[in-house]
Amino acid sequence: MTSPDQPAQPAPADTSLANRYGAKKRRLSPKAGRAATGVALAAGIGFLAWVTASNSLSGVTFKDVGYSTTDATLAEVDFQVTREPANPVKCAVKALDSKFAVVGWKVVDIPPTVADGTPDGGRTVAQRVTLRTESESVSGVVDSCWIPDGTS
């Protein structure tokens, strides 16, 4: 018992902290932790497989090789396209001005080729495209390449 002359004892630290911040959180059981880790690992492997498969199935890649300005109304863009030789491809090529505005645009048809004796079997073809421009351009790039609908 406490006498009126003695001050009241403070509540134990554990009780006052639990009242203020909430009870301590329970940890996952080891079995639940292993199951959660396994699910996360399987999801990660599945995602990586999906990314790898979708990149390899698209089958078309391109690389900008060069660019030149003939005059204020013409530009030439050199690029390489890699795809299966039997597939026709379309590429969108653009010319840009100093503020990166598009001043010339063209969609180029690249027909299928016959596999030849080159090291990659005719998969890579070089292209040179001449673009008409609205004003003088300072760069030219391939925007995208794709296999048209209706072809393999």
N, C-alpha and C. Protein backbone atom coordinates (compact mmCIF):
# COMPACT_ATOMS: atom_id res chain seq x y z
N MET A 1 0.81 -1.18 0.00
CA MET A 1 0.00 0.00 0.00
C MET A 1 0.85 1.23 0.00
N THR A 2 0.35 2.24 -0.63
CA THR A 2 1.09 3.49 -0.63
C THR A 2 0.39 4.45 0.30
N SER A 3 1.18 5.24 0.91
CA SER A 3 0.59 6.26 1.78
C SER A 3 0.39 7.51 0.96
N PRO A 4 -0.49 8.38 1.39
CA PRO A 4 -0.73 9.58 0.62
C PRO A 4 0.50 10.46 0.50
N ASP A 5 1.46 10.27 1.37
CA ASP A 5 2.66 11.09 1.32
C ASP A 5 3.64 10.63 0.24
N GLN A 6 3.57 9.36 -0.17
CA GLN A 6 4.51 8.82 -1.15
C GLN A 6 3.95 9.02 -2.57
N PRO A 7 4.83 9.39 -3.52
CA PRO A 7 4.34 9.54 -4.90
C PRO A 7 4.00 8.18 -5.50
N ALA A 8 3.11 8.15 -6.47
CA ALA A 8 2.70 6.91 -7.13
C ALA A 8 3.86 6.39 -7.98
N GLN A 9 4.00 5.09 -8.03
CA GLN A 9 5.05 4.45 -8.82
C GLN A 9 4.68 4.53 -10.31
N PRO A 10 5.63 4.86 -11.20
CA PRO A 10 5.32 4.87 -12.63
C PRO A 10 5.03 3.45 -13.13
N ALA A 11 4.28 3.34 -14.20
CA ALA A 11 3.97 2.03 -14.79
C ALA A 11 5.26 1.45 -15.37
N PRO A 12 5.36 0.13 -15.38
CA PRO A 12 6.56 -0.47 -15.96
C PRO A 12 6.76 0.01 -17.41
N ALA A 13 8.01 0.07 -17.83
CA ALA A 13 8.34 0.59 -19.16
C ALA A 13 7.67 -0.21 -20.27
N ASP A 14 7.65 -1.54 -20.14
CA ASP A 14 7.04 -2.35 -21.19
C ASP A 14 5.56 -2.03 -21.36
N THR A 15 4.87 -1.84 -20.28
CA THR A 15 3.43 -1.55 -20.35
C THR A 15 3.17 -0.18 -20.93
N SER A 16 3.95 0.84 -20.52
CA SER A 16 3.69 2.18 -21.03
C SER A 16 4.06 2.28 -22.52
N LEU A 17 5.12 1.61 -22.94
CA LEU A 17 5.48 1.62 -24.36
C LEU A 17 4.43 0.88 -25.19
N ALA A 18 3.92 -0.23 -24.67
CA ALA A 18 2.90 -0.97 -25.39
C ALA A 18 1.64 -0.14 -25.52
N ASN A 19 1.30 0.60 -24.48
CA ASN A 19 0.11 1.45 -24.56
C ASN A 19 0.32 2.59 -25.57
N ARG A 20 1.52 3.11 -25.61
CA ARG A 20 1.79 4.26 -26.48
C ARG A 20 1.96 3.84 -27.94
N TYR A 21 2.75 2.80 -28.21
CA TYR A 21 3.11 2.44 -29.58
C TYR A 21 2.47 1.15 -30.08
N GLY A 22 1.76 0.46 -29.26
CA GLY A 22 1.15 -0.79 -29.66
C GLY A 22 2.00 -1.97 -29.22
N ALA A 23 1.43 -3.12 -29.27
CA ALA A 23 2.13 -4.33 -28.82
C ALA A 23 3.24 -4.69 -29.81
N LYS A 24 4.18 -5.47 -29.32
CA LYS A 24 5.27 -5.91 -30.19
C LYS A 24 4.71 -6.77 -31.30
N LYS A 25 5.30 -6.64 -32.47
CA LYS A 25 4.85 -7.40 -33.63
C LYS A 25 5.39 -8.82 -33.56
N ARG A 26 4.54 -9.72 -34.00
CA ARG A 26 4.98 -11.12 -34.01
C ARG A 26 5.78 -11.38 -35.28
N ARG A 27 6.76 -12.23 -35.20
CA ARG A 27 7.56 -12.60 -36.35
C ARG A 27 6.89 -13.76 -37.07
N LEU A 28 7.22 -13.90 -38.36
CA LEU A 28 6.74 -15.05 -39.11
C LEU A 28 7.40 -16.31 -38.59
N SER A 29 6.66 -17.38 -38.65
CA SER A 29 7.27 -18.66 -38.25
C SER A 29 8.30 -19.03 -39.31
N PRO A 30 9.27 -19.84 -38.98
CA PRO A 30 10.28 -20.24 -39.98
C PRO A 30 9.65 -20.90 -41.20
N LYS A 31 8.60 -21.67 -41.01
CA LYS A 31 7.95 -22.33 -42.14
C LYS A 31 7.29 -21.30 -43.05
N ALA A 32 6.62 -20.31 -42.49
CA ALA A 32 5.98 -19.27 -43.29
C ALA A 32 7.03 -18.41 -44.00
N GLY A 33 8.15 -18.14 -43.35
CA GLY A 33 9.23 -17.38 -43.97
C GLY A 33 9.81 -18.10 -45.17
N ARG A 34 10.02 -19.41 -45.04
CA ARG A 34 10.53 -20.19 -46.17
C ARG A 34 9.52 -20.22 -47.32
N ALA A 35 8.24 -20.33 -46.99
CA ALA A 35 7.21 -20.35 -48.03
C ALA A 35 7.16 -19.00 -48.76
N ALA A 36 7.23 -17.90 -48.02
CA ALA A 36 7.21 -16.57 -48.65
C ALA A 36 8.45 -16.37 -49.53
N THR A 37 9.59 -16.82 -49.07
CA THR A 37 10.81 -16.71 -49.86
C THR A 37 10.70 -17.54 -51.13
N GLY A 38 10.15 -18.74 -51.03
CA GLY A 38 9.97 -19.59 -52.21
C GLY A 38 9.03 -18.97 -53.23
N VAL A 39 7.93 -18.38 -52.76
CA VAL A 39 6.98 -17.74 -53.68
C VAL A 39 7.64 -16.55 -54.36
N ALA A 40 8.37 -15.72 -53.61
CA ALA A 40 9.04 -14.55 -54.19
C ALA A 40 10.10 -14.99 -55.20
N LEU A 41 10.83 -16.02 -54.90
CA LEU A 41 11.85 -16.53 -55.81
C LEU A 41 11.22 -17.07 -57.10
N ALA A 42 10.14 -17.81 -56.97
CA ALA A 42 9.45 -18.34 -58.15
C ALA A 42 8.89 -17.21 -59.01
N ALA A 43 8.34 -16.19 -58.38
CA ALA A 43 7.80 -15.05 -59.13
C ALA A 43 8.93 -14.32 -59.86
N GLY A 44 10.07 -14.14 -59.22
CA GLY A 44 11.22 -13.49 -59.86
C GLY A 44 11.74 -14.28 -61.04
N ILE A 45 11.86 -15.58 -60.90
CA ILE A 45 12.33 -16.42 -62.00
C ILE A 45 11.32 -16.40 -63.15
N GLY A 46 10.04 -16.44 -62.83
CA GLY A 46 9.01 -16.37 -63.86
C GLY A 46 9.07 -15.06 -64.62
N PHE A 47 9.26 -13.95 -63.91
CA PHE A 47 9.36 -12.64 -64.55
C PHE A 47 10.56 -12.58 -65.48
N LEU A 48 11.71 -13.05 -65.03
CA LEU A 48 12.91 -13.05 -65.88
C LEU A 48 12.72 -13.92 -67.12
N ALA A 49 12.06 -15.06 -66.97
CA ALA A 49 11.80 -15.92 -68.13
C ALA A 49 10.88 -15.22 -69.12
N TRP A 50 9.87 -14.53 -68.62
CA TRP A 50 8.94 -13.81 -69.50
C TRP A 50 9.66 -12.70 -70.26
N VAL A 51 10.51 -11.93 -69.57
CA VAL A 51 11.24 -10.85 -70.23
C VAL A 51 12.18 -11.41 -71.30
N THR A 52 12.88 -12.47 -70.97
CA THR A 52 13.81 -13.08 -71.92
C THR A 52 13.07 -13.61 -73.15
N ALA A 53 11.97 -14.30 -72.93
CA ALA A 53 11.22 -14.87 -74.04
C ALA A 53 10.61 -13.78 -74.91
N SER A 54 10.07 -12.74 -74.32
CA SER A 54 9.44 -11.69 -75.12
C SER A 54 10.47 -10.93 -75.94
N ASN A 55 11.68 -10.74 -75.42
CA ASN A 55 12.73 -10.07 -76.19
C ASN A 55 13.21 -10.93 -77.35
N SER A 56 13.33 -12.22 -77.15
CA SER A 56 13.84 -13.07 -78.22
C SER A 56 12.78 -13.35 -79.27
N LEU A 57 11.51 -13.26 -78.93
CA LEU A 57 10.46 -13.54 -79.90
C LEU A 57 10.19 -12.37 -80.83
N SER A 58 10.53 -11.15 -80.39
CA SER A 58 10.26 -10.01 -81.26
C SER A 58 11.07 -10.13 -82.55
N GLY A 59 12.30 -10.59 -82.45
CA GLY A 59 13.07 -10.93 -83.61
C GLY A 59 13.61 -9.78 -84.45
N VAL A 60 13.39 -8.53 -84.08
CA VAL A 60 13.90 -7.42 -84.88
C VAL A 60 14.68 -6.48 -83.97
N THR A 61 15.92 -6.23 -84.35
CA THR A 61 16.72 -5.22 -83.65
C THR A 61 17.32 -4.29 -84.69
N PHE A 62 17.66 -3.08 -84.26
CA PHE A 62 18.26 -2.13 -85.19
C PHE A 62 19.37 -1.37 -84.49
N LYS A 63 20.26 -0.82 -85.31
CA LYS A 63 21.40 -0.06 -84.79
C LYS A 63 21.65 1.12 -85.72
N ASP A 64 21.66 2.33 -85.15
CA ASP A 64 22.01 3.51 -85.94
C ASP A 64 23.50 3.47 -86.23
N VAL A 65 23.86 3.70 -87.49
CA VAL A 65 25.26 3.63 -87.90
C VAL A 65 25.80 5.02 -88.22
N GLY A 66 25.04 5.82 -88.94
CA GLY A 66 25.54 7.14 -89.32
C GLY A 66 24.43 8.06 -89.78
N TYR A 67 24.83 9.30 -89.98
CA TYR A 67 23.88 10.32 -90.37
C TYR A 67 24.62 11.41 -91.14
N SER A 68 23.98 11.96 -92.16
CA SER A 68 24.58 13.10 -92.84
C SER A 68 23.47 14.01 -93.36
N THR A 69 23.78 15.31 -93.41
CA THR A 69 22.85 16.30 -93.94
C THR A 69 23.34 16.72 -95.31
N THR A 70 22.54 16.46 -96.32
CA THR A 70 22.91 16.85 -97.68
C THR A 70 22.72 18.36 -97.86
N ASP A 71 21.56 18.86 -97.48
CA ASP A 71 21.28 20.29 -97.48
C ASP A 71 20.15 20.53 -96.47
N ALA A 72 19.56 21.72 -96.47
CA ALA A 72 18.54 22.05 -95.48
C ALA A 72 17.26 21.26 -95.66
N THR A 73 17.10 20.59 -96.81
CA THR A 73 15.85 19.86 -97.05
C THR A 73 16.04 18.35 -97.18
N LEU A 74 17.27 17.86 -97.09
CA LEU A 74 17.52 16.42 -97.21
C LEU A 74 18.48 15.94 -96.12
N ALA A 75 18.22 14.73 -95.65
CA ALA A 75 19.10 14.09 -94.68
C ALA A 75 19.20 12.61 -95.04
N GLU A 76 20.34 12.00 -94.75
CA GLU A 76 20.53 10.57 -94.98
C GLU A 76 20.84 9.89 -93.67
N VAL A 77 20.18 8.76 -93.42
CA VAL A 77 20.38 7.99 -92.20
C VAL A 77 20.84 6.59 -92.60
N ASP A 78 21.93 6.14 -92.02
CA ASP A 78 22.45 4.79 -92.24
C ASP A 78 22.17 3.97 -90.99
N PHE A 79 21.65 2.75 -91.18
CA PHE A 79 21.37 1.89 -90.03
C PHE A 79 21.43 0.43 -90.45
N GLN A 80 21.49 -0.45 -89.46
CA GLN A 80 21.49 -1.89 -89.69
C GLN A 80 20.27 -2.49 -89.01
N VAL A 81 19.67 -3.47 -89.65
CA VAL A 81 18.53 -4.19 -89.10
C VAL A 81 18.89 -5.67 -89.05
N THR A 82 18.63 -6.30 -87.89
CA THR A 82 18.87 -7.73 -87.74
C THR A 82 17.53 -8.41 -87.49
N ARG A 83 17.23 -9.40 -88.34
CA ARG A 83 15.98 -10.16 -88.24
C ARG A 83 16.15 -11.46 -88.99
N GLU A 84 15.14 -12.32 -88.92
CA GLU A 84 15.18 -13.56 -89.69
C GLU A 84 15.14 -13.19 -91.17
N PRO A 85 15.98 -13.79 -92.02
CA PRO A 85 16.05 -13.40 -93.43
C PRO A 85 14.71 -13.50 -94.18
N ALA A 86 13.83 -14.42 -93.76
CA ALA A 86 12.57 -14.61 -94.47
C ALA A 86 11.51 -13.57 -94.10
N ASN A 87 11.78 -12.76 -93.07
CA ASN A 87 10.77 -11.80 -92.61
C ASN A 87 10.98 -10.42 -93.22
N PRO A 88 9.93 -9.86 -93.80
CA PRO A 88 10.02 -8.44 -94.19
C PRO A 88 9.90 -7.58 -92.93
N VAL A 89 10.46 -6.40 -92.98
CA VAL A 89 10.47 -5.52 -91.81
C VAL A 89 10.11 -4.11 -92.26
N LYS A 90 9.48 -3.36 -91.37
CA LYS A 90 9.25 -1.93 -91.59
C LYS A 90 9.97 -1.18 -90.47
N CYS A 91 10.60 -0.06 -90.83
CA CYS A 91 11.30 0.76 -89.84
C CYS A 91 10.87 2.21 -90.00
N ALA A 92 10.64 2.86 -88.89
CA ALA A 92 10.33 4.29 -88.88
C ALA A 92 11.63 5.05 -88.61
N VAL A 93 11.99 5.93 -89.53
CA VAL A 93 13.24 6.68 -89.44
C VAL A 93 12.88 8.16 -89.32
N LYS A 94 13.58 8.88 -88.44
CA LYS A 94 13.26 10.30 -88.27
C LYS A 94 14.51 11.15 -88.24
N ALA A 95 14.34 12.40 -88.69
CA ALA A 95 15.41 13.40 -88.63
C ALA A 95 14.99 14.44 -87.60
N LEU A 96 15.95 14.89 -86.78
CA LEU A 96 15.67 15.82 -85.69
C LEU A 96 16.45 17.11 -85.87
N ASP A 97 15.86 18.21 -85.38
CA ASP A 97 16.60 19.48 -85.41
C ASP A 97 17.33 19.67 -84.08
N SER A 98 17.92 20.83 -83.88
CA SER A 98 18.74 21.07 -82.69
C SER A 98 17.93 21.07 -81.40
N LYS A 99 16.61 21.22 -81.50
CA LYS A 99 15.75 21.18 -80.30
C LYS A 99 15.05 19.83 -80.16
N PHE A 100 15.53 18.84 -80.89
CA PHE A 100 15.01 17.47 -80.89
C PHE A 100 13.58 17.38 -81.43
N ALA A 101 13.15 18.35 -82.21
CA ALA A 101 11.86 18.28 -82.88
C ALA A 101 12.01 17.46 -84.15
N VAL A 102 11.01 16.69 -84.48
CA VAL A 102 11.05 15.87 -85.68
C VAL A 102 10.81 16.78 -86.90
N VAL A 103 11.78 16.81 -87.81
CA VAL A 103 11.65 17.62 -89.02
C VAL A 103 11.56 16.77 -90.28
N GLY A 104 11.69 15.46 -90.13
CA GLY A 104 11.55 14.53 -91.24
C GLY A 104 11.21 13.15 -90.72
N TRP A 105 10.34 12.43 -91.45
CA TRP A 105 9.88 11.12 -90.98
C TRP A 105 9.58 10.26 -92.18
N LYS A 106 9.97 8.98 -92.11
CA LYS A 106 9.68 8.07 -93.21
C LYS A 106 9.61 6.65 -92.68
N VAL A 107 8.65 5.87 -93.19
CA VAL A 107 8.58 4.44 -92.88
C VAL A 107 9.17 3.69 -94.06
N VAL A 108 10.17 2.88 -93.79
CA VAL A 108 10.92 2.18 -94.83
C VAL A 108 10.55 0.70 -94.82
N ASP A 109 10.29 0.14 -95.99
CA ASP A 109 10.03 -1.29 -96.14
C ASP A 109 11.35 -1.99 -96.45
N ILE A 110 11.66 -3.03 -95.67
CA ILE A 110 12.86 -3.83 -95.92
C ILE A 110 12.38 -5.23 -96.30
N PRO A 111 12.57 -5.63 -97.55
CA PRO A 111 12.03 -6.92 -98.01
C PRO A 111 12.82 -8.10 -97.43
N PRO A 112 12.23 -9.29 -97.49
CA PRO A 112 12.98 -10.48 -97.04
C PRO A 112 14.19 -10.70 -97.94
N THR A 113 15.20 -11.33 -97.38
CA THR A 113 16.40 -11.63 -98.15
C THR A 113 16.65 -13.13 -98.18
N VAL A 114 17.47 -13.54 -99.10
CA VAL A 114 17.86 -14.95 -99.19
C VAL A 114 19.09 -15.12 -98.31
N ALA A 115 19.08 -16.17 -97.48
CA ALA A 115 20.25 -16.44 -96.64
C ALA A 115 21.47 -16.65 -97.53
N ASP A 116 22.54 -15.95 -97.20
CA ASP A 116 23.75 -16.06 -98.02
C ASP A 116 24.90 -16.59 -97.18
N GLY A 117 26.08 -16.49 -97.68
CA GLY A 117 27.24 -17.04 -97.02
C GLY A 117 27.85 -16.13 -95.96
N THR A 118 27.19 -15.05 -95.59
CA THR A 118 27.75 -14.17 -94.57
C THR A 118 27.73 -14.86 -93.21
N PRO A 119 28.56 -14.40 -92.28
CA PRO A 119 28.65 -15.07 -90.98
C PRO A 119 27.32 -15.19 -90.25
N ASP A 120 26.42 -14.22 -90.41
CA ASP A 120 25.14 -14.31 -89.69
C ASP A 120 24.02 -14.86 -90.58
N GLY A 121 24.33 -15.36 -91.76
CA GLY A 121 23.35 -15.97 -92.64
C GLY A 121 22.36 -15.00 -93.25
N GLY A 122 22.74 -13.76 -93.42
CA GLY A 122 21.86 -12.78 -94.04
C GLY A 122 20.87 -12.14 -93.09
N ARG A 123 21.06 -12.34 -91.79
CA ARG A 123 20.13 -11.75 -90.81
C ARG A 123 20.27 -10.24 -90.71
N THR A 124 21.48 -9.72 -90.88
CA THR A 124 21.72 -8.29 -90.74
C THR A 124 21.85 -7.64 -92.11
N VAL A 125 21.06 -6.58 -92.32
CA VAL A 125 21.13 -5.84 -93.57
C VAL A 125 21.39 -4.37 -93.26
N ALA A 126 22.21 -3.75 -94.10
CA ALA A 126 22.50 -2.32 -93.96
C ALA A 126 21.54 -1.53 -94.85
N GLN A 127 21.08 -0.40 -94.35
CA GLN A 127 20.14 0.44 -95.09
C GLN A 127 20.62 1.89 -95.08
N ARG A 128 20.37 2.59 -96.17
CA ARG A 128 20.59 4.04 -96.24
C ARG A 128 19.29 4.65 -96.72
N VAL A 129 18.74 5.57 -95.92
CA VAL A 129 17.45 6.18 -96.23
C VAL A 129 17.65 7.68 -96.39
N THR A 130 17.06 8.23 -97.45
CA THR A 130 17.07 9.68 -97.65
C THR A 130 15.73 10.24 -97.20
N LEU A 131 15.78 11.23 -96.33
CA LEU A 131 14.56 11.86 -95.78
C LEU A 131 14.44 13.29 -96.27
N ARG A 132 13.25 13.68 -96.64
CA ARG A 132 12.99 15.10 -96.88
C ARG A 132 12.71 15.74 -95.54
N THR A 133 13.26 16.95 -95.34
CA THR A 133 13.08 17.63 -94.05
C THR A 133 12.45 19.00 -94.24
N GLU A 134 11.74 19.45 -93.21
CA GLU A 134 11.10 20.78 -93.23
C GLU A 134 12.12 21.89 -93.03
N SER A 135 13.14 21.59 -92.21
CA SER A 135 14.22 22.54 -91.95
C SER A 135 15.48 21.73 -91.74
N GLU A 136 16.59 22.41 -91.52
CA GLU A 136 17.86 21.70 -91.39
C GLU A 136 17.86 20.80 -90.17
N SER A 137 18.30 19.58 -90.38
CA SER A 137 18.35 18.62 -89.28
C SER A 137 19.78 18.48 -88.78
N VAL A 138 19.90 18.06 -87.52
CA VAL A 138 21.22 17.87 -86.93
C VAL A 138 21.47 16.41 -86.54
N SER A 139 20.45 15.58 -86.63
CA SER A 139 20.65 14.15 -86.37
C SER A 139 19.54 13.35 -87.04
N GLY A 140 19.81 12.08 -87.21
CA GLY A 140 18.83 11.17 -87.79
C GLY A 140 18.94 9.83 -87.09
N VAL A 141 17.79 9.25 -86.74
CA VAL A 141 17.78 8.00 -85.98
C VAL A 141 16.64 7.11 -86.45
N VAL A 142 16.75 5.83 -86.11
CA VAL A 142 15.66 4.89 -86.32
C VAL A 142 14.80 4.95 -85.06
N ASP A 143 13.51 5.20 -85.25
CA ASP A 143 12.59 5.28 -84.11
C ASP A 143 12.18 3.90 -83.65
N SER A 144 11.81 3.03 -84.59
CA SER A 144 11.42 1.66 -84.25
C SER A 144 11.40 0.80 -85.52
N CYS A 145 11.45 -0.51 -85.32
CA CYS A 145 11.32 -1.47 -86.41
C CYS A 145 10.38 -2.57 -85.96
N TRP A 146 9.62 -3.12 -86.89
CA TRP A 146 8.67 -4.15 -86.55
C TRP A 146 8.43 -5.05 -87.75
N ILE A 147 7.88 -6.24 -87.46
CA ILE A 147 7.47 -7.15 -88.52
C ILE A 147 6.01 -6.84 -88.81
N PRO A 148 5.66 -6.53 -90.07
CA PRO A 148 4.27 -6.18 -90.39
C PRO A 148 3.31 -7.33 -90.06
N ASP A 149 2.06 -7.00 -89.79
CA ASP A 149 1.03 -8.01 -89.53
C ASP A 149 0.86 -8.88 -90.76
N GLY A 150 0.51 -10.15 -90.51
CA GLY A 150 0.28 -11.06 -91.62
C GLY A 150 1.52 -11.79 -92.09
N THR A 151 2.68 -11.51 -91.46
CA THR A 151 3.89 -12.26 -91.81
C THR A 151 4.36 -12.98 -90.58
N SER A 152 5.20 -13.96 -90.76
CA SER A 152 5.67 -14.75 -89.63
C SER A 152 6.56 -13.89 -88.81
